[in-house]
Amino acid sequence: MFPSLFELKRRRLFYTPIAWGAAHLTAIFVNHMPRELVGVYVPEALPGAIRRNILRAARSSGIRLTRKVRRLKPSEETESSIFA
């Protein structure tokens, strides 16, 4: 979660929450990208240590990260096609 518009204005930062969050996370990624990696990488393709450092920096800057996972029950049609 990023700070609300009210929170940003109270800090005298006149940005929208979306612009603040995008710029802040981009800066964190740029600061922690290793110089020896060349090319474009999705976050999942980065080494584990770098991903942990990025998440640690995001949390320390006041950004709360949550992850929700919903497991779906397979339908009868799906189960029958898997075991056929």
PDB file of N, CA and C in Angstrom:
ATOM      1  N   MET A   1       0.839  -1.178   0.000  1.00  0.00           N
ATOM      2  CA  MET A   1       0.000   0.000   0.000  1.00  0.00           C
ATOM      3  C   MET A   1       0.882   1.239   0.000  1.00  0.00           C
ATOM      4  N   PHE A   2       0.485   2.187  -0.780  1.00  0.00           N
ATOM      5  CA  PHE A   2       1.192   3.451  -0.838  1.00  0.00           C
ATOM      6  C   PHE A   2       0.479   4.457   0.055  1.00  0.00           C
ATOM      7  N   PRO A   3       1.158   5.521   0.430  1.00  0.00           N
ATOM      8  CA  PRO A   3       0.483   6.549   1.231  1.00  0.00           C
ATOM      9  C   PRO A   3      -0.725   7.119   0.487  1.00  0.00           C
ATOM     10  N   SER A   4      -1.732   7.501   1.235  1.00  0.00           N
ATOM     11  CA  SER A   4      -2.916   8.101   0.623  1.00  0.00           C
ATOM     12  C   SER A   4      -2.595   9.517   0.152  1.00  0.00           C
ATOM     13  N   LEU A   5      -3.511  10.082  -0.624  1.00  0.00           N
ATOM     14  CA  LEU A   5      -3.338  11.452  -1.088  1.00  0.00           C
ATOM     15  C   LEU A   5      -3.279  12.411   0.097  1.00  0.00           C
ATOM     16  N   PHE A   6      -4.102  12.148   1.110  1.00  0.00           N
ATOM     17  CA  PHE A   6      -4.096  12.974   2.321  1.00  0.00           C
ATOM     18  C   PHE A   6      -2.727  12.917   3.006  1.00  0.00           C
ATOM     19  N   GLU A   7      -2.174  11.713   3.118  1.00  0.00           N
ATOM     20  CA  GLU A   7      -0.870  11.543   3.760  1.00  0.00           C
ATOM     21  C   GLU A   7       0.227  12.253   2.969  1.00  0.00           C
ATOM     22  N   LEU A   8       0.179  12.149   1.650  1.00  0.00           N
ATOM     23  CA  LEU A   8       1.187  12.824   0.829  1.00  0.00           C
ATOM     24  C   LEU A   8       1.099  14.335   0.962  1.00  0.00           C
ATOM     25  N   LYS A   9      -0.120  14.868   0.991  1.00  0.00           N
ATOM     26  CA  LYS A   9      -0.276  16.321   1.146  1.00  0.00           C
ATOM     27  C   LYS A   9       0.171  16.775   2.526  1.00  0.00           C
ATOM     28  N   ARG A  10      -0.072  15.941   3.525  1.00  0.00           N
ATOM     29  CA  ARG A  10       0.370  16.287   4.880  1.00  0.00           C
ATOM     30  C   ARG A  10       1.887  16.347   4.945  1.00  0.00           C
ATOM     31  N   ARG A  11       2.569  15.503   4.165  1.00  0.00           N
ATOM     32  CA  ARG A  11       4.036  15.526   4.097  1.00  0.00           C
ATOM     33  C   ARG A  11       4.548  16.630   3.174  1.00  0.00           C
ATOM     34  N   ARG A  12       3.629  17.412   2.583  1.00  0.00           N
ATOM     35  CA  ARG A  12       3.935  18.473   1.639  1.00  0.00           C
ATOM     36  C   ARG A  12       4.568  17.935   0.360  1.00  0.00           C
ATOM     37  N   LEU A  13       4.114  16.750  -0.053  1.00  0.00           N
ATOM     38  CA  LEU A  13       4.514  16.152  -1.315  1.00  0.00           C
ATOM     39  C   LEU A  13       3.282  16.172  -2.209  1.00  0.00           C
ATOM     40  N   PHE A  14       3.285  16.986  -3.222  1.00  0.00           N
ATOM     41  CA  PHE A  14       2.108  17.165  -4.049  1.00  0.00           C
ATOM     42  C   PHE A  14       2.161  16.263  -5.284  1.00  0.00           C
ATOM     43  N   TYR A  15       2.056  14.960  -5.031  1.00  0.00           N
ATOM     44  CA  TYR A  15       2.030  13.939  -6.067  1.00  0.00           C
ATOM     45  C   TYR A  15       0.772  13.106  -5.864  1.00  0.00           C
ATOM     46  N   THR A  16       0.392  12.371  -6.897  1.00  0.00           N
ATOM     47  CA  THR A  16      -0.685  11.408  -6.713  1.00  0.00           C
ATOM     48  C   THR A  16      -0.084  10.134  -6.127  1.00  0.00           C
ATOM     49  N   PRO A  17      -0.866   9.341  -5.422  1.00  0.00           N
ATOM     50  CA  PRO A  17      -0.320   8.092  -4.863  1.00  0.00           C
ATOM     51  C   PRO A  17       0.247   7.155  -5.930  1.00  0.00           C
ATOM     52  N   ILE A  18      -0.381   7.101  -7.097  1.00  0.00           N
ATOM     53  CA  ILE A  18       0.121   6.225  -8.162  1.00  0.00           C
ATOM     54  C   ILE A  18       1.482   6.707  -8.665  1.00  0.00           C
ATOM     55  N   ALA A  19       1.612   8.004  -8.903  1.00  0.00           N
ATOM     56  CA  ALA A  19       2.888   8.550  -9.379  1.00  0.00           C
ATOM     57  C   ALA A  19       3.977   8.370  -8.322  1.00  0.00           C
ATOM     58  N   TRP A  20       3.639   8.603  -7.062  1.00  0.00           N
ATOM     59  CA  TRP A  20       4.625   8.449  -5.988  1.00  0.00           C
ATOM     60  C   TRP A  20       5.088   7.003  -5.901  1.00  0.00           C
ATOM     61  N   GLY A  21       4.140   6.074  -5.926  1.00  0.00           N
ATOM     62  CA  GLY A  21       4.487   4.662  -5.806  1.00  0.00           C
ATOM     63  C   GLY A  21       5.314   4.155  -6.976  1.00  0.00           C
ATOM     64  N   ALA A  22       4.936   4.543  -8.188  1.00  0.00           N
ATOM     65  CA  ALA A  22       5.669   4.093  -9.365  1.00  0.00           C
ATOM     66  C   ALA A  22       7.098   4.635  -9.356  1.00  0.00           C
ATOM     67  N   ALA A  23       7.250   5.899  -9.056  1.00  0.00           N
ATOM     68  CA  ALA A  23       8.586   6.504  -9.037  1.00  0.00           C
ATOM     69  C   ALA A  23       9.439   5.922  -7.915  1.00  0.00           C
ATOM     70  N   HIS A  24       8.834   5.716  -6.760  1.00  0.00           N
ATOM     71  CA  HIS A  24       9.581   5.208  -5.614  1.00  0.00           C
ATOM     72  C   HIS A  24      10.060   3.776  -5.856  1.00  0.00           C
ATOM     73  N   LEU A  25       9.179   2.918  -6.348  1.00  0.00           N
ATOM     74  CA  LEU A  25       9.581   1.535  -6.605  1.00  0.00           C
ATOM     75  C   LEU A  25      10.585   1.441  -7.755  1.00  0.00           C
ATOM     76  N   THR A  26      10.451   2.297  -8.754  1.00  0.00           N
ATOM     77  CA  THR A  26      11.423   2.306  -9.845  1.00  0.00           C
ATOM     78  C   THR A  26      12.803   2.689  -9.327  1.00  0.00           C
ATOM     79  N   ALA A  27      12.854   3.679  -8.459  1.00  0.00           N
ATOM     80  CA  ALA A  27      14.143   4.093  -7.887  1.00  0.00           C
ATOM     81  C   ALA A  27      14.763   2.973  -7.056  1.00  0.00           C
ATOM     82  N   ILE A  28      13.943   2.246  -6.318  1.00  0.00           N
ATOM     83  CA  ILE A  28      14.461   1.127  -5.518  1.00  0.00           C
ATOM     84  C   ILE A  28      15.025   0.045  -6.428  1.00  0.00           C
ATOM     85  N   PHE A  29      14.303  -0.292  -7.518  1.00  0.00           N
ATOM     86  CA  PHE A  29      14.799  -1.299  -8.456  1.00  0.00           C
ATOM     87  C   PHE A  29      16.115  -0.853  -9.083  1.00  0.00           C
ATOM     88  N   VAL A  30      16.207   0.399  -9.493  1.00  0.00           N
ATOM     89  CA  VAL A  30      17.427   0.897 -10.137  1.00  0.00           C
ATOM     90  C   VAL A  30      18.597   0.860  -9.161  1.00  0.00           C
ATOM     91  N   ASN A  31      18.364   1.213  -7.912  1.00  0.00           N
ATOM     92  CA  ASN A  31      19.449   1.207  -6.923  1.00  0.00           C
ATOM     93  C   ASN A  31      19.987  -0.183  -6.657  1.00  0.00           C
ATOM     94  N   HIS A  32      19.156  -1.204  -6.786  1.00  0.00           N
ATOM     95  CA  HIS A  32      19.587  -2.560  -6.427  1.00  0.00           C
ATOM     96  C   HIS A  32      19.906  -3.453  -7.623  1.00  0.00           C
ATOM     97  N   MET A  33      19.787  -2.921  -8.832  1.00  0.00           N
ATOM     98  CA  MET A  33      20.110  -3.740 -10.010  1.00  0.00           C
ATOM     99  C   MET A  33      21.619  -3.908 -10.108  1.00  0.00           C
ATOM    100  N   PRO A  34      22.073  -5.143 -10.273  1.00  0.00           N
ATOM    101  CA  PRO A  34      23.525  -5.355 -10.417  1.00  0.00           C
ATOM    102  C   PRO A  34      24.003  -4.852 -11.779  1.00  0.00           C
ATOM    103  N   ARG A  35      25.173  -4.289 -11.791  1.00  0.00           N
ATOM    104  CA  ARG A  35      25.713  -3.703 -13.019  1.00  0.00           C
ATOM    105  C   ARG A  35      26.144  -4.763 -14.035  1.00  0.00           C
ATOM    106  N   GLU A  36      26.432  -5.969 -13.567  1.00  0.00           N
ATOM    107  CA  GLU A  36      26.900  -7.001 -14.495  1.00  0.00           C
ATOM    108  C   GLU A  36      25.767  -7.667 -15.277  1.00  0.00           C
ATOM    109  N   LEU A  37      24.521  -7.480 -14.856  1.00  0.00           N
ATOM    110  CA  LEU A  37      23.390  -8.018 -15.621  1.00  0.00           C
ATOM    111  C   LEU A  37      23.068  -7.072 -16.771  1.00  0.00           C
ATOM    112  N   VAL A  38      22.984  -7.627 -17.965  1.00  0.00           N
ATOM    113  CA  VAL A  38      22.688  -6.828 -19.140  1.00  0.00           C
ATOM    114  C   VAL A  38      21.353  -7.296 -19.701  1.00  0.00           C
ATOM    115  N   GLY A  39      20.504  -6.370 -20.063  1.00  0.00           N
ATOM    116  CA  GLY A  39      19.229  -6.727 -20.664  1.00  0.00           C
ATOM    117  C   GLY A  39      18.066  -6.363 -19.766  1.00  0.00           C
ATOM    118  N   VAL A  40      16.922  -6.876 -20.132  1.00  0.00           N
ATOM    119  CA  VAL A  40      15.695  -6.597 -19.410  1.00  0.00           C
ATOM    120  C   VAL A  40      15.294  -7.852 -18.648  1.00  0.00           C
ATOM    121  N   TYR A  41      15.001  -7.700 -17.381  1.00  0.00           N
ATOM    122  CA  TYR A  41      14.630  -8.824 -16.538  1.00  0.00           C
ATOM    123  C   TYR A  41      13.316  -8.536 -15.829  1.00  0.00           C
ATOM    124  N   VAL A  42      12.468  -9.531 -15.747  1.00  0.00           N
ATOM    125  CA  VAL A  42      11.289  -9.417 -14.897  1.00  0.00           C
ATOM    126  C   VAL A  42      11.763  -9.672 -13.469  1.00  0.00           C
ATOM    127  N   PRO A  43      11.082  -9.155 -12.460  1.00  0.00           N
ATOM    128  CA  PRO A  43      11.538  -9.341 -11.083  1.00  0.00           C
ATOM    129  C   PRO A  43      11.745 -10.803 -10.698  1.00  0.00           C
ATOM    130  N   GLU A  44      10.951 -11.712 -11.254  1.00  0.00           N
ATOM    131  CA  GLU A  44      11.093 -13.125 -10.910  1.00  0.00           C
ATOM    132  C   GLU A  44      12.389 -13.733 -11.432  1.00  0.00           C
ATOM    133  N   ALA A  45      12.975 -13.129 -12.457  1.00  0.00           N
ATOM    134  CA  ALA A  45      14.196 -13.663 -13.048  1.00  0.00           C
ATOM    135  C   ALA A  45      15.458 -13.163 -12.347  1.00  0.00           C
ATOM    136  N   LEU A  46      15.330 -12.213 -11.446  1.00  0.00           N
ATOM    137  CA  LEU A  46      16.499 -11.703 -10.718  1.00  0.00           C
ATOM    138  C   LEU A  46      16.944 -12.709  -9.666  1.00  0.00           C
ATOM    139  N   PRO A  47      18.216 -12.700  -9.314  1.00  0.00           N
ATOM    140  CA  PRO A  47      18.682 -13.585  -8.245  1.00  0.00           C
ATOM    141  C   PRO A  47      17.942 -13.304  -6.933  1.00  0.00           C
ATOM    142  N   GLY A  48      17.799 -14.341  -6.121  1.00  0.00           N
ATOM    143  CA  GLY A  48      17.042 -14.242  -4.874  1.00  0.00           C
ATOM    144  C   GLY A  48      17.548 -13.169  -3.923  1.00  0.00           C
ATOM    145  N   ALA A  49      18.856 -13.018  -3.820  1.00  0.00           N
ATOM    146  CA  ALA A  49      19.415 -12.019  -2.899  1.00  0.00           C
ATOM    147  C   ALA A  49      19.017 -10.603  -3.319  1.00  0.00           C
ATOM    148  N   ILE A  50      19.004 -10.357  -4.600  1.00  0.00           N
ATOM    149  CA  ILE A  50      18.631  -9.023  -5.096  1.00  0.00           C
ATOM    150  C   ILE A  50      17.158  -8.767  -4.835  1.00  0.00           C
ATOM    151  N   ARG A  51      16.307  -9.781  -5.078  1.00  0.00           N
ATOM    152  CA  ARG A  51      14.875  -9.615  -4.811  1.00  0.00           C
ATOM    153  C   ARG A  51      14.622  -9.321  -3.339  1.00  0.00           C
ATOM    154  N   ARG A  52      15.328 -10.032  -2.467  1.00  0.00           N
ATOM    155  CA  ARG A  52      15.167  -9.778  -1.019  1.00  0.00           C
ATOM    156  C   ARG A  52      15.605  -8.367  -0.653  1.00  0.00           C
ATOM    157  N   ASN A  53      16.695  -7.884  -1.239  1.00  0.00           N
ATOM    158  CA  ASN A  53      17.163  -6.526  -0.961  1.00  0.00           C
ATOM    159  C   ASN A  53      16.157  -5.481  -1.439  1.00  0.00           C
ATOM    160  N   ILE A  54      15.550  -5.720  -2.593  1.00  0.00           N
ATOM    161  CA  ILE A  54      14.545  -4.786  -3.105  1.00  0.00           C
ATOM    162  C   ILE A  54      13.337  -4.759  -2.183  1.00  0.00           C
ATOM    163  N   LEU A  55      12.869  -5.921  -1.770  1.00  0.00           N
ATOM    164  CA  LEU A  55      11.715  -5.972  -0.862  1.00  0.00           C
ATOM    165  C   LEU A  55      12.035  -5.341   0.490  1.00  0.00           C
ATOM    166  N   ARG A  56      13.236  -5.572   0.991  1.00  0.00           N
ATOM    167  CA  ARG A  56      13.643  -4.978   2.274  1.00  0.00           C
ATOM    168  C   ARG A  56      13.677  -3.450   2.170  1.00  0.00           C
ATOM    169  N   ALA A  57      14.204  -2.939   1.061  1.00  0.00           N
ATOM    170  CA  ALA A  57      14.262  -1.487   0.876  1.00  0.00           C
ATOM    171  C   ALA A  57      12.860  -0.896   0.744  1.00  0.00           C
ATOM    172  N   ALA A  58      11.975  -1.599   0.054  1.00  0.00           N
ATOM    173  CA  ALA A  58      10.596  -1.109  -0.085  1.00  0.00           C
ATOM    174  C   ALA A  58       9.900  -1.057   1.268  1.00  0.00           C
ATOM    175  N   ARG A  59      10.069  -2.107   2.067  1.00  0.00           N
ATOM    176  CA  ARG A  59       9.444  -2.117   3.395  1.00  0.00           C
ATOM    177  C   ARG A  59      10.022  -1.033   4.300  1.00  0.00           C
ATOM    178  N   SER A  60      11.328  -0.818   4.216  1.00  0.00           N
ATOM    179  CA  SER A  60      11.942   0.190   5.087  1.00  0.00           C
ATOM    180  C   SER A  60      11.559   1.610   4.677  1.00  0.00           C
ATOM    181  N   SER A  61      11.117   1.785   3.435  1.00  0.00           N
ATOM    182  CA  SER A  61      10.704   3.120   2.998  1.00  0.00           C
ATOM    183  C   SER A  61       9.223   3.380   3.277  1.00  0.00           C
ATOM    184  N   GLY A  62       8.555   2.434   3.909  1.00  0.00           N
ATOM    185  CA  GLY A  62       7.170   2.657   4.303  1.00  0.00           C
ATOM    186  C   GLY A  62       6.139   2.062   3.367  1.00  0.00           C
ATOM    187  N   ILE A  63       6.565   1.269   2.408  1.00  0.00           N
ATOM    188  CA  ILE A  63       5.626   0.623   1.493  1.00  0.00           C
ATOM    189  C   ILE A  63       5.287  -0.752   2.067  1.00  0.00           C
ATOM    190  N   ARG A  64       3.999  -0.998   2.250  1.00  0.00           N
ATOM    191  CA  ARG A  64       3.553  -2.296   2.757  1.00  0.00           C
ATOM    192  C   ARG A  64       3.221  -3.191   1.586  1.00  0.00           C
ATOM    193  N   LEU A  65       3.777  -4.383   1.607  1.00  0.00           N
ATOM    194  CA  LEU A  65       3.536  -5.345   0.538  1.00  0.00           C
ATOM    195  C   LEU A  65       2.711  -6.498   1.087  1.00  0.00           C
ATOM    196  N   THR A  66       1.644  -6.826   0.393  1.00  0.00           N
ATOM    197  CA  THR A  66       0.831  -7.972   0.789  1.00  0.00           C
ATOM    198  C   THR A  66       0.682  -8.886  -0.409  1.00  0.00           C
ATOM    199  N   ARG A  67       0.439 -10.136  -0.113  1.00  0.00           N
ATOM    200  CA  ARG A  67       0.262 -11.121  -1.178  1.00  0.00           C
ATOM    201  C   ARG A  67      -0.927 -11.986  -0.816  1.00  0.00           C
ATOM    202  N   LYS A  68      -1.857 -12.071  -1.729  1.00  0.00           N
ATOM    203  CA  LYS A  68      -3.045 -12.886  -1.507  1.00  0.00           C
ATOM    204  C   LYS A  68      -3.051 -14.018  -2.532  1.00  0.00           C
ATOM    205  N   VAL A  69      -3.295 -15.205  -2.050  1.00  0.00           N
ATOM    206  CA  VAL A  69      -3.360 -16.369  -2.922  1.00  0.00           C
ATOM    207  C   VAL A  69      -4.696 -17.045  -2.690  1.00  0.00           C
ATOM    208  N   ARG A  70      -5.400 -17.314  -3.756  1.00  0.00           N
ATOM    209  CA  ARG A  70      -6.679 -18.011  -3.651  1.00  0.00           C
ATOM    210  C   ARG A  70      -6.568 -19.312  -4.432  1.00  0.00           C
ATOM    211  N   ARG A  71      -6.733 -20.415  -3.734  1.00  0.00           N
ATOM    212  CA  ARG A  71      -6.681 -21.717  -4.394  1.00  0.00           C
ATOM    213  C   ARG A  71      -8.084 -22.069  -4.869  1.00  0.00           C
ATOM    214  N   LEU A  72      -8.184 -22.376  -6.124  1.00  0.00           N
ATOM    215  CA  LEU A  72      -9.462 -22.718  -6.706  1.00  0.00           C
ATOM    216  C   LEU A  72      -9.641 -24.229  -6.706  1.00  0.00           C
ATOM    217  N   LYS A  73     -10.849 -24.658  -6.443  1.00  0.00           N
ATOM    218  CA  LYS A  73     -11.139 -26.083  -6.514  1.00  0.00           C
ATOM    219  C   LYS A  73     -11.322 -26.439  -7.985  1.00  0.00           C
ATOM    220  N   PRO A  74     -10.699 -27.523  -8.424  1.00  0.00           N
ATOM    221  CA  PRO A  74     -10.885 -27.912  -9.824  1.00  0.00           C
ATOM    222  C   PRO A  74     -12.317 -28.395 -10.055  1.00  0.00           C
ATOM    223  N   SER A  75     -12.859 -28.066 -11.191  1.00  0.00           N
ATOM    224  CA  SER A  75     -14.214 -28.507 -11.505  1.00  0.00           C
ATOM    225  C   SER A  75     -14.193 -29.986 -11.889  1.00  0.00           C
ATOM    226  N   GLU A  76     -15.354 -30.626 -11.911  1.00  0.00           N
ATOM    227  CA  GLU A  76     -15.431 -32.041 -12.282  1.00  0.00           C
ATOM    228  C   GLU A  76     -14.977 -32.246 -13.709  1.00  0.00           C
ATOM    229  N   GLU A  77     -15.270 -31.297 -14.572  1.00  0.00           N
ATOM    230  CA  GLU A  77     -14.877 -31.395 -15.968  1.00  0.00           C
ATOM    231  C   GLU A  77     -13.349 -31.388 -16.108  1.00  0.00           C
ATOM    232  N   THR A  78     -12.697 -30.549 -15.342  1.00  0.00           N
ATOM    233  CA  THR A  78     -11.232 -30.466 -15.377  1.00  0.00           C
ATOM    234  C   THR A  78     -10.602 -31.739 -14.838  1.00  0.00           C
ATOM    235  N   GLU A  79     -11.147 -32.245 -13.728  1.00  0.00           N
ATOM    236  CA  GLU A  79     -10.605 -33.464 -13.124  1.00  0.00           C
ATOM    237  C   GLU A  79     -10.741 -34.653 -14.074  1.00  0.00           C
ATOM    238  N   SER A  80     -11.869 -34.771 -14.759  1.00  0.00           N
ATOM    239  CA  SER A  80     -12.060 -35.906 -15.647  1.00  0.00           C
ATOM    240  C   SER A  80     -11.124 -35.836 -16.854  1.00  0.00           C
ATOM    241  N   SER A  81     -10.828 -34.616 -17.326  1.00  0.00           N
ATOM    242  CA  SER A  81      -9.921 -34.498 -18.472  1.00  0.00           C
ATOM    243  C   SER A  81      -8.471 -34.755 -18.066  1.00  0.00           C
ATOM    244  N   ILE A  82      -8.140 -34.497 -16.810  1.00  0.00           N
ATOM    245  CA  ILE A  82      -6.775 -34.743 -16.341  1.00  0.00           C
ATOM    246  C   ILE A  82      -6.511 -36.234 -16.227  1.00  0.00           C
ATOM    247  N   PHE A  83      -7.478 -36.979 -15.702  1.00  0.00           N
ATOM    248  CA  PHE A  83      -7.276 -38.395 -15.447  1.00  0.00           C
ATOM    249  C   PHE A  83      -7.725 -39.281 -16.597  1.00  0.00           C
ATOM    250  N   ALA A  84      -8.148 -38.698 -17.709  1.00  0.00           N
ATOM    251  CA  ALA A  84      -8.627 -39.519 -18.842  1.00  0.00           C
ATOM    252  C   ALA A  84      -7.464 -40.030 -19.673  1.00  0.00           C
TER     253      ALA A  84
END
